[in-house]
PDB file of N, CA and C in Angstrom:
ATOM      1  N   UNK A   1    -159.811-206.427-192.177  1.00  0.00           N
ATOM      2  CA  UNK A   1    -160.804-205.743-191.361  1.00  0.00           C
ATOM      3  C   UNK A   1    -160.830-206.241-189.914  1.00  0.00           C
ATOM      4  N   UNK A   2    -160.439-207.427-189.670  1.00  0.00           N
ATOM      5  CA  UNK A   2    -160.468-207.948-188.301  1.00  0.00           C
ATOM      6  C   UNK A   2    -159.535-207.160-187.381  1.00  0.00           C
ATOM      7  N   UNK A   3    -158.385-206.773-187.879  1.00  0.00           N
ATOM      8  CA  UNK A   3    -157.451-206.012-187.061  1.00  0.00           C
ATOM      9  C   UNK A   3    -158.089-204.685-186.660  1.00  0.00           C
ATOM     10  N   UNK A   4    -158.744-204.029-187.608  1.00  0.00           N
ATOM     11  CA  UNK A   4    -159.381-202.754-187.322  1.00  0.00           C
ATOM     12  C   UNK A   4    -160.513-202.922-186.319  1.00  0.00           C
ATOM     13  N   UNK A   5    -161.300-203.969-186.428  1.00  0.00           N
ATOM     14  CA  UNK A   5    -162.411-204.148-185.506  1.00  0.00           C
ATOM     15  C   UNK A   5    -161.908-204.340-184.082  1.00  0.00           C
ATOM     16  N   UNK A   6    -160.728-204.939-183.922  1.00  0.00           N
ATOM     17  CA  UNK A   6    -160.151-205.117-182.589  1.00  0.00           C
ATOM     18  C   UNK A   6    -159.896-203.772-181.915  1.00  0.00           C
ATOM     19  N   UNK A   7    -159.569-202.759-182.700  1.00  0.00           N
ATOM     20  CA  UNK A   7    -159.291-201.437-182.149  1.00  0.00           C
ATOM     21  C   UNK A   7    -160.527-200.785-181.545  1.00  0.00           C
ATOM     22  N   UNK A   8    -161.711-201.184-182.005  1.00  0.00           N
ATOM     23  CA  UNK A   8    -162.941-200.570-181.537  1.00  0.00           C
ATOM     24  C   UNK A   8    -163.603-201.336-180.406  1.00  0.00           C
ATOM     25  N   UNK A   9    -163.059-202.470-180.036  1.00  0.00           N
ATOM     26  CA  UNK A   9    -163.605-203.234-178.933  1.00  0.00           C
ATOM     27  C   UNK A   9    -163.084-202.661-177.621  1.00  0.00           C
ATOM     28  N   UNK A  10    -163.944-202.604-176.609  1.00  0.00           N
ATOM     29  CA  UNK A  10    -163.461-202.107-175.323  1.00  0.00           C
ATOM     30  C   UNK A  10    -162.448-203.086-174.723  1.00  0.00           C
ATOM     31  N   UNK A  11    -161.477-202.539-174.042  1.00  0.00           N
ATOM     32  CA  UNK A  11    -160.461-203.381-173.418  1.00  0.00           C
ATOM     33  C   UNK A  11    -161.011-203.925-172.103  1.00  0.00           C
ATOM     34  N   UNK A  12    -160.768-205.194-171.804  1.00  0.00           N
ATOM     35  CA  UNK A  12    -161.273-205.753-170.552  1.00  0.00           C
ATOM     36  C   UNK A  12    -160.463-205.306-169.332  1.00  0.00           C
ATOM     37  N   UNK A  13    -159.179-204.949-169.523  1.00  0.00           N
ATOM     38  CA  UNK A  13    -158.323-204.598-168.384  1.00  0.00           C
ATOM     39  C   UNK A  13    -157.784-203.180-168.507  1.00  0.00           C
ATOM     40  N   UNK A  14    -157.470-202.616-167.336  1.00  0.00           N
ATOM     41  CA  UNK A  14    -156.785-201.325-167.277  1.00  0.00           C
ATOM     42  C   UNK A  14    -155.525-201.515-166.438  1.00  0.00           C
ATOM     43  N   UNK A  15    -154.438-200.954-166.909  1.00  0.00           N
ATOM     44  CA  UNK A  15    -153.200-200.947-166.145  1.00  0.00           C
ATOM     45  C   UNK A  15    -152.845-199.499-165.852  1.00  0.00           C
ATOM     46  N   UNK A  16    -152.650-199.222-164.563  1.00  0.00           N
ATOM     47  CA  UNK A  16    -152.189-197.907-164.125  1.00  0.00           C
ATOM     48  C   UNK A  16    -150.737-198.074-163.709  1.00  0.00           C
ATOM     49  N   UNK A  17    -149.881-197.300-164.352  1.00  0.00           N
ATOM     50  CA  UNK A  17    -148.431-197.409-164.162  1.00  0.00           C
ATOM     51  C   UNK A  17    -147.940-196.226-163.333  1.00  0.00           C
ATOM     52  N   UNK A  18    -147.442-196.512-162.151  1.00  0.00           N
ATOM     53  CA  UNK A  18    -146.900-195.478-161.253  1.00  0.00           C
ATOM     54  C   UNK A  18    -145.393-195.461-161.430  1.00  0.00           C
ATOM     55  N   UNK A  19    -144.841-194.289-161.763  1.00  0.00           N
ATOM     56  CA  UNK A  19    -143.426-194.178-162.108  1.00  0.00           C
ATOM     57  C   UNK A  19    -142.891-192.810-161.723  1.00  0.00           C
ATOM     58  N   UNK A  20    -141.588-192.641-161.941  1.00  0.00           N
ATOM     59  CA  UNK A  20    -140.951-191.328-161.781  1.00  0.00           C
ATOM     60  C   UNK A  20    -139.895-191.183-162.879  1.00  0.00           C
ATOM     61  N   UNK A  21    -139.597-189.938-163.255  1.00  0.00           N
ATOM     62  CA  UNK A  21    -138.548-189.653-164.235  1.00  0.00           C
ATOM     63  C   UNK A  21    -137.202-190.123-163.700  1.00  0.00           C
ATOM     64  N   UNK A  22    -136.357-190.602-164.589  1.00  0.00           N
ATOM     65  CA  UNK A  22    -135.010-190.994-164.222  1.00  0.00           C
ATOM     66  C   UNK A  22    -134.919-192.337-163.517  1.00  0.00           C
ATOM     67  N   UNK A  23    -135.982-193.082-163.492  1.00  0.00           N
ATOM     68  CA  UNK A  23    -136.020-194.385-162.823  1.00  0.00           C
ATOM     69  C   UNK A  23    -135.722-195.478-163.846  1.00  0.00           C
ATOM     70  N   UNK A  24    -134.559-196.120-163.705  1.00  0.00           N
ATOM     71  CA  UNK A  24    -134.171-197.179-164.636  1.00  0.00           C
ATOM     72  C   UNK A  24    -135.128-198.362-164.627  1.00  0.00           C
ATOM     73  N   UNK A  25    -135.602-198.755-163.454  1.00  0.00           N
ATOM     74  CA  UNK A  25    -136.565-199.856-163.378  1.00  0.00           C
ATOM     75  C   UNK A  25    -137.875-199.486-164.069  1.00  0.00           C
ATOM     76  N   UNK A  26    -138.233-198.204-164.031  1.00  0.00           N
ATOM     77  CA  UNK A  26    -139.458-197.745-164.689  1.00  0.00           C
ATOM     78  C   UNK A  26    -139.341-197.891-166.212  1.00  0.00           C
ATOM     79  N   UNK A  27    -138.157-197.625-166.743  1.00  0.00           N
ATOM     80  CA  UNK A  27    -137.924-197.801-168.183  1.00  0.00           C
ATOM     81  C   UNK A  27    -138.099-199.273-168.555  1.00  0.00           C
ATOM     82  N   UNK A  28    -137.535-200.155-167.754  1.00  0.00           N
ATOM     83  CA  UNK A  28    -137.680-201.595-168.003  1.00  0.00           C
ATOM     84  C   UNK A  28    -139.143-202.021-167.890  1.00  0.00           C
ATOM     85  N   UNK A  29    -139.838-201.505-166.888  1.00  0.00           N
ATOM     86  CA  UNK A  29    -141.243-201.854-166.695  1.00  0.00           C
ATOM     87  C   UNK A  29    -142.088-201.390-167.880  1.00  0.00           C
ATOM     88  N   UNK A  30    -141.813-200.189-168.383  1.00  0.00           N
ATOM     89  CA  UNK A  30    -142.557-199.690-169.539  1.00  0.00           C
ATOM     90  C   UNK A  30    -142.328-200.597-170.751  1.00  0.00           C
ATOM     91  N   UNK A  31    -141.125-201.122-170.898  1.00  0.00           N
ATOM     92  CA  UNK A  31    -140.825-202.044-171.991  1.00  0.00           C
ATOM     93  C   UNK A  31    -141.635-203.335-171.844  1.00  0.00           C
ATOM     94  N   UNK A  32    -141.723-203.840-170.626  1.00  0.00           N
ATOM     95  CA  UNK A  32    -142.535-205.042-170.380  1.00  0.00           C
ATOM     96  C   UNK A  32    -143.991-204.760-170.731  1.00  0.00           C
ATOM     97  N   UNK A  33    -144.502-203.609-170.306  1.00  0.00           N
ATOM     98  CA  UNK A  33    -145.898-203.262-170.602  1.00  0.00           C
ATOM     99  C   UNK A  33    -146.127-203.121-172.101  1.00  0.00           C
ATOM    100  N   UNK A  34    -145.147-202.615-172.822  1.00  0.00           N
ATOM    101  CA  UNK A  34    -145.244-202.526-174.273  1.00  0.00           C
ATOM    102  C   UNK A  34    -145.340-203.925-174.898  1.00  0.00           C
ATOM    103  N   UNK A  35    -144.550-204.852-174.372  1.00  0.00           N
ATOM    104  CA  UNK A  35    -144.608-206.233-174.866  1.00  0.00           C
ATOM    105  C   UNK A  35    -145.960-206.871-174.552  1.00  0.00           C
ATOM    106  N   UNK A  36    -146.497-206.581-173.367  1.00  0.00           N
ATOM    107  CA  UNK A  36    -147.829-207.098-173.027  1.00  0.00           C
ATOM    108  C   UNK A  36    -148.849-206.526-173.997  1.00  0.00           C
ATOM    109  N   UNK A  37    -148.779-205.213-174.248  1.00  0.00           N
ATOM    110  CA  UNK A  37    -149.722-204.553-175.163  1.00  0.00           C
ATOM    111  C   UNK A  37    -149.716-205.226-176.537  1.00  0.00           C
ATOM    112  N   UNK A  38    -148.531-205.590-177.024  1.00  0.00           N
ATOM    113  CA  UNK A  38    -148.428-206.229-178.339  1.00  0.00           C
ATOM    114  C   UNK A  38    -149.182-207.558-178.385  1.00  0.00           C
ATOM    115  N   UNK A  39    -149.274-208.221-177.254  1.00  0.00           N
ATOM    116  CA  UNK A  39    -149.946-209.519-177.183  1.00  0.00           C
ATOM    117  C   UNK A  39    -151.406-209.412-176.759  1.00  0.00           C
ATOM    118  N   UNK A  40    -151.687-208.371-175.975  1.00  0.00           N
ATOM    119  CA  UNK A  40    -152.996-208.295-175.332  1.00  0.00           C
ATOM    120  C   UNK A  40    -153.282-206.841-174.926  1.00  0.00           C
ATOM    121  N   UNK A  41    -153.882-206.054-175.809  1.00  0.00           N
ATOM    122  CA  UNK A  41    -154.109-204.636-175.528  1.00  0.00           C
ATOM    123  C   UNK A  41    -154.944-204.404-174.262  1.00  0.00           C
ATOM    124  N   UNK A  42    -154.722-203.255-173.649  1.00  0.00           N
ATOM    125  CA  UNK A  42    -155.394-202.895-172.412  1.00  0.00           C
ATOM    126  C   UNK A  42    -155.521-201.384-172.343  1.00  0.00           C
ATOM    127  N   UNK A  43    -156.428-200.922-171.506  1.00  0.00           N
ATOM    128  CA  UNK A  43    -156.529-199.489-171.234  1.00  0.00           C
ATOM    129  C   UNK A  43    -155.326-199.114-170.371  1.00  0.00           C
ATOM    130  N   UNK A  44    -154.767-197.935-170.607  1.00  0.00           N
ATOM    131  CA  UNK A  44    -153.507-197.572-169.951  1.00  0.00           C
ATOM    132  C   UNK A  44    -153.581-196.182-169.357  1.00  0.00           C
ATOM    133  N   UNK A  45    -153.067-196.069-168.145  1.00  0.00           N
ATOM    134  CA  UNK A  45    -152.949-194.766-167.497  1.00  0.00           C
ATOM    135  C   UNK A  45    -151.586-194.728-166.815  1.00  0.00           C
ATOM    136  N   UNK A  46    -150.929-193.590-166.903  1.00  0.00           N
ATOM    137  CA  UNK A  46    -149.610-193.428-166.297  1.00  0.00           C
ATOM    138  C   UNK A  46    -149.664-192.308-165.265  1.00  0.00           C
ATOM    139  N   UNK A  47    -149.047-192.544-164.110  1.00  0.00           N
ATOM    140  CA  UNK A  47    -149.019-191.557-163.036  1.00  0.00           C
ATOM    141  C   UNK A  47    -147.566-191.294-162.656  1.00  0.00           C
ATOM    142  N   UNK A  48    -147.125-190.049-162.860  1.00  0.00           N
ATOM    143  CA  UNK A  48    -145.793-189.640-162.420  1.00  0.00           C
ATOM    144  C   UNK A  48    -145.938-189.212-160.968  1.00  0.00           C
ATOM    145  N   UNK A  49    -145.391-190.000-160.050  1.00  0.00           N
ATOM    146  CA  UNK A  49    -145.620-189.752-158.631  1.00  0.00           C
ATOM    147  C   UNK A  49    -144.926-188.493-158.116  1.00  0.00           C
ATOM    148  N   UNK A  50    -144.065-187.885-158.923  1.00  0.00           N
ATOM    149  CA  UNK A  50    -143.351-186.678-158.500  1.00  0.00           C
ATOM    150  C   UNK A  50    -144.209-185.425-158.690  1.00  0.00           C
ATOM    151  N   UNK A  51    -145.182-185.478-159.574  1.00  0.00           N
ATOM    152  CA  UNK A  51    -146.019-184.304-159.832  1.00  0.00           C
ATOM    153  C   UNK A  51    -146.835-183.959-158.589  1.00  0.00           C
ATOM    154  N   UNK A  52    -147.037-182.664-158.358  1.00  0.00           N
ATOM    155  CA  UNK A  52    -147.767-182.230-157.155  1.00  0.00           C
ATOM    156  C   UNK A  52    -149.151-182.878-157.012  1.00  0.00           C
ATOM    157  N   UNK A  53    -149.845-183.064-158.116  1.00  0.00           N
ATOM    158  CA  UNK A  53    -151.192-183.651-158.048  1.00  0.00           C
ATOM    159  C   UNK A  53    -151.168-185.132-157.675  1.00  0.00           C
ATOM    160  N   UNK A  54    -149.979-185.721-157.660  1.00  0.00           N
ATOM    161  CA  UNK A  54    -149.834-187.146-157.329  1.00  0.00           C
ATOM    162  C   UNK A  54    -149.241-187.361-155.937  1.00  0.00           C
ATOM    163  N   UNK A  55    -149.332-186.360-155.073  1.00  0.00           N
ATOM    164  CA  UNK A  55    -148.714-186.445-153.754  1.00  0.00           C
ATOM    165  C   UNK A  55    -149.156-187.677-152.970  1.00  0.00           C
ATOM    166  N   UNK A  56    -150.423-188.005-153.002  1.00  0.00           N
ATOM    167  CA  UNK A  56    -150.908-189.169-152.256  1.00  0.00           C
ATOM    168  C   UNK A  56    -150.240-190.443-152.752  1.00  0.00           C
ATOM    169  N   UNK A  57    -150.033-190.541-154.073  1.00  0.00           N
ATOM    170  CA  UNK A  57    -149.348-191.713-154.630  1.00  0.00           C
ATOM    171  C   UNK A  57    -147.866-191.686-154.265  1.00  0.00           C
ATOM    172  N   UNK A  58    -147.251-190.507-154.261  1.00  0.00           N
ATOM    173  CA  UNK A  58    -145.838-190.407-153.873  1.00  0.00           C
ATOM    174  C   UNK A  58    -145.657-190.843-152.419  1.00  0.00           C
ATOM    175  N   UNK A  59    -146.558-190.408-151.556  1.00  0.00           N
ATOM    176  CA  UNK A  59    -146.493-190.815-150.149  1.00  0.00           C
ATOM    177  C   UNK A  59    -146.570-192.335-150.020  1.00  0.00           C
ATOM    178  N   UNK A  60    -147.311-192.957-150.903  1.00  0.00           N
ATOM    179  CA  UNK A  60    -147.513-194.400-150.845  1.00  0.00           C
ATOM    180  C   UNK A  60    -146.380-195.181-151.507  1.00  0.00           C
ATOM    181  N   UNK A  61    -145.925-194.725-152.676  1.00  0.00           N
ATOM    182  CA  UNK A  61    -145.000-195.514-153.496  1.00  0.00           C
ATOM    183  C   UNK A  61    -143.641-194.854-153.718  1.00  0.00           C
ATOM    184  N   UNK A  62    -143.272-193.878-152.919  1.00  0.00           N
ATOM    185  CA  UNK A  62    -142.047-193.120-153.143  1.00  0.00           C
ATOM    186  C   UNK A  62    -140.822-194.017-153.350  1.00  0.00           C
ATOM    187  N   UNK A  63    -140.702-195.080-152.574  1.00  0.00           N
ATOM    188  CA  UNK A  63    -139.524-195.946-152.672  1.00  0.00           C
ATOM    189  C   UNK A  63    -139.837-197.287-153.342  1.00  0.00           C
ATOM    190  N   UNK A  64    -140.985-197.387-153.991  1.00  0.00           N
ATOM    191  CA  UNK A  64    -141.408-198.666-154.568  1.00  0.00           C
ATOM    192  C   UNK A  64    -141.621-198.652-156.076  1.00  0.00           C
ATOM    193  N   UNK A  65    -141.476-197.528-156.740  1.00  0.00           N
ATOM    194  CA  UNK A  65    -141.722-197.510-158.184  1.00  0.00           C
ATOM    195  C   UNK A  65    -140.670-198.357-158.901  1.00  0.00           C
ATOM    196  N   UNK A  66    -141.044-198.967-159.990  1.00  0.00           N
ATOM    197  CA  UNK A  66    -142.343-198.932-160.644  1.00  0.00           C
ATOM    198  C   UNK A  66    -143.358-199.851-159.965  1.00  0.00           C
ATOM    199  N   UNK A  67    -144.609-199.408-160.050  1.00  0.00           N
ATOM    200  CA  UNK A  67    -145.741-200.188-159.550  1.00  0.00           C
ATOM    201  C   UNK A  67    -146.816-200.144-160.621  1.00  0.00           C
ATOM    202  N   UNK A  68    -147.481-201.272-160.827  1.00  0.00           N
ATOM    203  CA  UNK A  68    -148.662-201.260-161.696  1.00  0.00           C
ATOM    204  C   UNK A  68    -149.845-201.796-160.904  1.00  0.00           C
ATOM    205  N   UNK A  69    -150.993-201.165-161.129  1.00  0.00           N
ATOM    206  CA  UNK A  69    -152.265-201.673-160.630  1.00  0.00           C
ATOM    207  C   UNK A  69    -153.003-202.210-161.847  1.00  0.00           C
ATOM    208  N   UNK A  70    -153.605-203.370-161.689  1.00  0.00           N
ATOM    209  CA  UNK A  70    -154.363-203.987-162.771  1.00  0.00           C
ATOM    210  C   UNK A  70    -155.808-204.115-162.303  1.00  0.00           C
ATOM    211  N   UNK A  71    -156.721-203.593-163.105  1.00  0.00           N
ATOM    212  CA  UNK A  71    -158.138-203.638-162.751  1.00  0.00           C
ATOM    213  C   UNK A  71    -158.955-203.851-164.009  1.00  0.00           C
ATOM    214  N   UNK A  72    -160.244-204.078-163.819  1.00  0.00           N
ATOM    215  CA  UNK A  72    -161.142-204.127-164.966  1.00  0.00           C
ATOM    216  C   UNK A  72    -161.238-202.710-165.539  1.00  0.00           C
ATOM    217  N   UNK A  73    -161.361-202.616-166.836  1.00  0.00           N
ATOM    218  CA  UNK A  73    -161.388-201.303-167.484  1.00  0.00           C
ATOM    219  C   UNK A  73    -162.533-200.436-166.986  1.00  0.00           C
ATOM    220  N   UNK A  74    -163.659-201.044-166.658  1.00  0.00           N
ATOM    221  CA  UNK A  74    -164.817-200.268-166.220  1.00  0.00           C
ATOM    222  C   UNK A  74    -164.807-199.973-164.724  1.00  0.00           C
ATOM    223  N   UNK A  75    -163.786-200.418-164.004  1.00  0.00           N
ATOM    224  CA  UNK A  75    -163.679-200.160-162.562  1.00  0.00           C
ATOM    225  C   UNK A  75    -163.437-198.671-162.323  1.00  0.00           C
ATOM    226  N   UNK A  76    -163.791-198.180-161.130  1.00  0.00           N
ATOM    227  CA  UNK A  76    -163.512-196.770-160.811  1.00  0.00           C
ATOM    228  C   UNK A  76    -162.013-196.494-160.868  1.00  0.00           C
ATOM    229  N   UNK A  77    -161.684-195.218-161.015  1.00  0.00           N
ATOM    230  CA  UNK A  77    -160.276-194.808-161.031  1.00  0.00           C
ATOM    231  C   UNK A  77    -159.580-195.269-159.755  1.00  0.00           C
ATOM    232  N   UNK A  78    -158.276-195.438-159.846  1.00  0.00           N
ATOM    233  CA  UNK A  78    -157.489-195.869-158.693  1.00  0.00           C
ATOM    234  C   UNK A  78    -157.574-194.836-157.578  1.00  0.00           C
ATOM    235  N   UNK A  79    -157.603-195.325-156.345  1.00  0.00           N
ATOM    236  CA  UNK A  79    -157.707-194.469-155.164  1.00  0.00           C
ATOM    237  C   UNK A  79    -156.613-194.882-154.182  1.00  0.00           C
ATOM    238  N   UNK A  80    -155.749-193.952-153.784  1.00  0.00           N
ATOM    239  CA  UNK A  80    -154.677-194.319-152.853  1.00  0.00           C
ATOM    240  C   UNK A  80    -155.181-194.960-151.553  1.00  0.00           C
ATOM    241  N   UNK A  81    -156.371-194.575-151.112  1.00  0.00           N
ATOM    242  CA  UNK A  81    -156.916-195.140-149.875  1.00  0.00           C
ATOM    243  C   UNK A  81    -157.273-196.614-150.021  1.00  0.00           C
ATOM    244  N   UNK A  82    -157.458-197.064-151.251  1.00  0.00           N
ATOM    245  CA  UNK A  82    -157.836-198.459-151.499  1.00  0.00           C
ATOM    246  C   UNK A  82    -156.689-199.269-152.090  1.00  0.00           C
ATOM    247  N   UNK A  83    -155.494-198.727-152.056  1.00  0.00           N
ATOM    248  CA  UNK A  83    -154.360-199.378-152.719  1.00  0.00           C
ATOM    249  C   UNK A  83    -154.026-200.744-152.140  1.00  0.00           C
ATOM    250  N   UNK A  84    -154.332-200.976-150.878  1.00  0.00           N
ATOM    251  CA  UNK A  84    -154.021-202.282-150.278  1.00  0.00           C
ATOM    252  C   UNK A  84    -154.866-203.399-150.894  1.00  0.00           C
ATOM    253  N   UNK A  85    -155.987-203.034-151.514  1.00  0.00           N
ATOM    254  CA  UNK A  85    -156.855-204.027-152.149  1.00  0.00           C
ATOM    255  C   UNK A  85    -156.577-204.183-153.637  1.00  0.00           C
ATOM    256  N   UNK A  86    -155.691-203.378-154.174  1.00  0.00           N
ATOM    257  CA  UNK A  86    -155.409-203.399-155.614  1.00  0.00           C
ATOM    258  C   UNK A  86    -154.636-204.653-156.000  1.00  0.00           C
ATOM    259  N   UNK A  87    -154.908-205.130-157.195  1.00  0.00           N
ATOM    260  CA  UNK A  87    -154.096-206.188-157.781  1.00  0.00           C
ATOM    261  C   UNK A  87    -152.899-205.478-158.390  1.00  0.00           C
ATOM    262  N   UNK A  88    -151.699-205.794-157.903  1.00  0.00           N
ATOM    263  CA  UNK A  88    -150.537-205.005-158.314  1.00  0.00           C
ATOM    264  C   UNK A  88    -149.293-205.863-158.456  1.00  0.00           C
ATOM    265  N   UNK A  89    -148.349-205.287-159.168  1.00  0.00           N
ATOM    266  CA  UNK A  89    -146.992-205.812-159.274  1.00  0.00           C
ATOM    267  C   UNK A  89    -146.053-204.640-159.024  1.00  0.00           C
ATOM    268  N   UNK A  90    -144.913-204.945-158.404  1.00  0.00           N
ATOM    269  CA  UNK A  90    -143.980-203.887-158.045  1.00  0.00           C
ATOM    270  C   UNK A  90    -142.566-204.249-158.482  1.00  0.00           C
ATOM    271  N   UNK A  91    -141.773-203.212-158.730  1.00  0.00           N
ATOM    272  CA  UNK A  91    -140.341-203.314-158.999  1.00  0.00           C
ATOM    273  C   UNK A  91    -140.042-204.003-160.328  1.00  0.00           C
ATOM    274  N   UNK A  92    -139.838-205.298-160.311  1.00  0.00           N
ATOM    275  CA  UNK A  92    -139.519-206.057-161.533  1.00  0.00           C
ATOM    276  C   UNK A  92    -140.620-207.072-161.784  1.00  0.00           C
ATOM    277  N   UNK A  93    -141.069-207.131-163.029  1.00  0.00           N
ATOM    278  CA  UNK A  93    -142.081-208.118-163.391  1.00  0.00           C
ATOM    279  C   UNK A  93    -141.937-208.470-164.859  1.00  0.00           C
ATOM    280  N   UNK A  94    -142.492-209.621-165.212  1.00  0.00           N
ATOM    281  CA  UNK A  94    -142.388-210.136-166.582  1.00  0.00           C
ATOM    282  C   UNK A  94    -143.727-210.023-167.294  1.00  0.00           C
ATOM    283  N   UNK A  95    -143.687-210.226-168.596  1.00  0.00           N
ATOM    284  CA  UNK A  95    -144.905-210.250-169.397  1.00  0.00           C
ATOM    285  C   UNK A  95    -145.861-211.302-168.842  1.00  0.00           C
ATOM    286  N   UNK A  96    -145.323-212.474-168.532  1.00  0.00           N
ATOM    287  CA  UNK A  96    -146.152-213.574-168.038  1.00  0.00           C
ATOM    288  C   UNK A  96    -146.814-213.231-166.702  1.00  0.00           C
ATOM    289  N   UNK A  97    -146.095-212.547-165.828  1.00  0.00           N
ATOM    290  CA  UNK A  97    -146.676-212.150-164.542  1.00  0.00           C
ATOM    291  C   UNK A  97    -147.799-211.134-164.740  1.00  0.00           C
ATOM    292  N   UNK A  98    -147.592-210.195-165.642  1.00  0.00           N
ATOM    293  CA  UNK A  98    -148.631-209.196-165.913  1.00  0.00           C
ATOM    294  C   UNK A  98    -149.863-209.875-166.490  1.00  0.00           C
ATOM    295  N   UNK A  99    -149.671-210.766-167.452  1.00  0.00           N
ATOM    296  CA  UNK A  99    -150.809-211.457-168.065  1.00  0.00           C
ATOM    297  C   UNK A  99    -151.542-212.334-167.047  1.00  0.00           C
ATOM    298  N   UNK A 100    -150.822-212.966-166.144  1.00  0.00           N
ATOM    299  CA  UNK A 100    -151.467-213.786-165.113  1.00  0.00           C
ATOM    300  C   UNK A 100    -152.351-212.916-164.219  1.00  0.00           C
ATOM    301  N   UNK A 101    -151.873-211.728-163.859  1.00  0.00           N
ATOM    302  CA  UNK A 101    -152.677-210.808-163.048  1.00  0.00           C
ATOM    303  C   UNK A 101    -153.878-210.298-163.844  1.00  0.00           C
ATOM    304  N   UNK A 102    -153.702-210.058-165.136  1.00  0.00           N
ATOM    305  CA  UNK A 102    -154.823-209.642-165.978  1.00  0.00           C
ATOM    306  C   UNK A 102    -155.884-210.736-166.004  1.00  0.00           C
ATOM    307  N   UNK A 103    -155.456-211.988-166.144  1.00  0.00           N
ATOM    308  CA  UNK A 103    -156.386-213.120-166.129  1.00  0.00           C
ATOM    309  C   UNK A 103    -157.158-213.145-164.815  1.00  0.00           C
ATOM    310  N   UNK A 104    -156.446-212.966-163.711  1.00  0.00           N
ATOM    311  CA  UNK A 104    -157.049-212.979-162.384  1.00  0.00           C
ATOM    312  C   UNK A 104    -158.142-211.913-162.280  1.00  0.00           C
ATOM    313  N   UNK A 105    -157.840-210.713-162.744  1.00  0.00           N
ATOM    314  CA  UNK A 105    -158.792-209.599-162.667  1.00  0.00           C
ATOM    315  C   UNK A 105    -159.984-209.836-163.587  1.00  0.00           C
ATOM    316  N   UNK A 106    -159.723-210.284-164.796  1.00  0.00           N
ATOM    317  CA  UNK A 106    -160.809-210.465-165.767  1.00  0.00           C
ATOM    318  C   UNK A 106    -161.756-211.583-165.359  1.00  0.00           C
ATOM    319  N   UNK A 107    -161.277-212.575-164.618  1.00  0.00           N
ATOM    320  CA  UNK A 107    -162.123-213.689-164.193  1.00  0.00           C
ATOM    321  C   UNK A 107    -162.900-213.386-162.919  1.00  0.00           C
ATOM    322  N   UNK A 108    -162.503-212.343-162.215  1.00  0.00           N
ATOM    323  CA  UNK A 108    -163.182-212.035-160.939  1.00  0.00           C
ATOM    324  C   UNK A 108    -164.469-211.261-161.164  1.00  0.00           C
TER     325      UNK A 108
END
């Protein structure tokens, strides 16, 4: 029963993953995020920067994907105008780096 109860607890962190189709680094980043999830579940949102509704994110991260923003789960949705203040990792990152950023966000 303990495993099931964990599923009903709110996640302390949210990770927003900015990516594009056909991006090899994005595939690797998704694998890292999957490994993080196995150790420490989080709320997850994915943004394909190529979609028309993501134009503001494409303008910001067109040559930088993959990018992840890490925030508290109850924080407002990500806003491109506030991206300079986001806790983020770009390009290549490890499970340990993601968890360290999660710790930073959860303690703030």
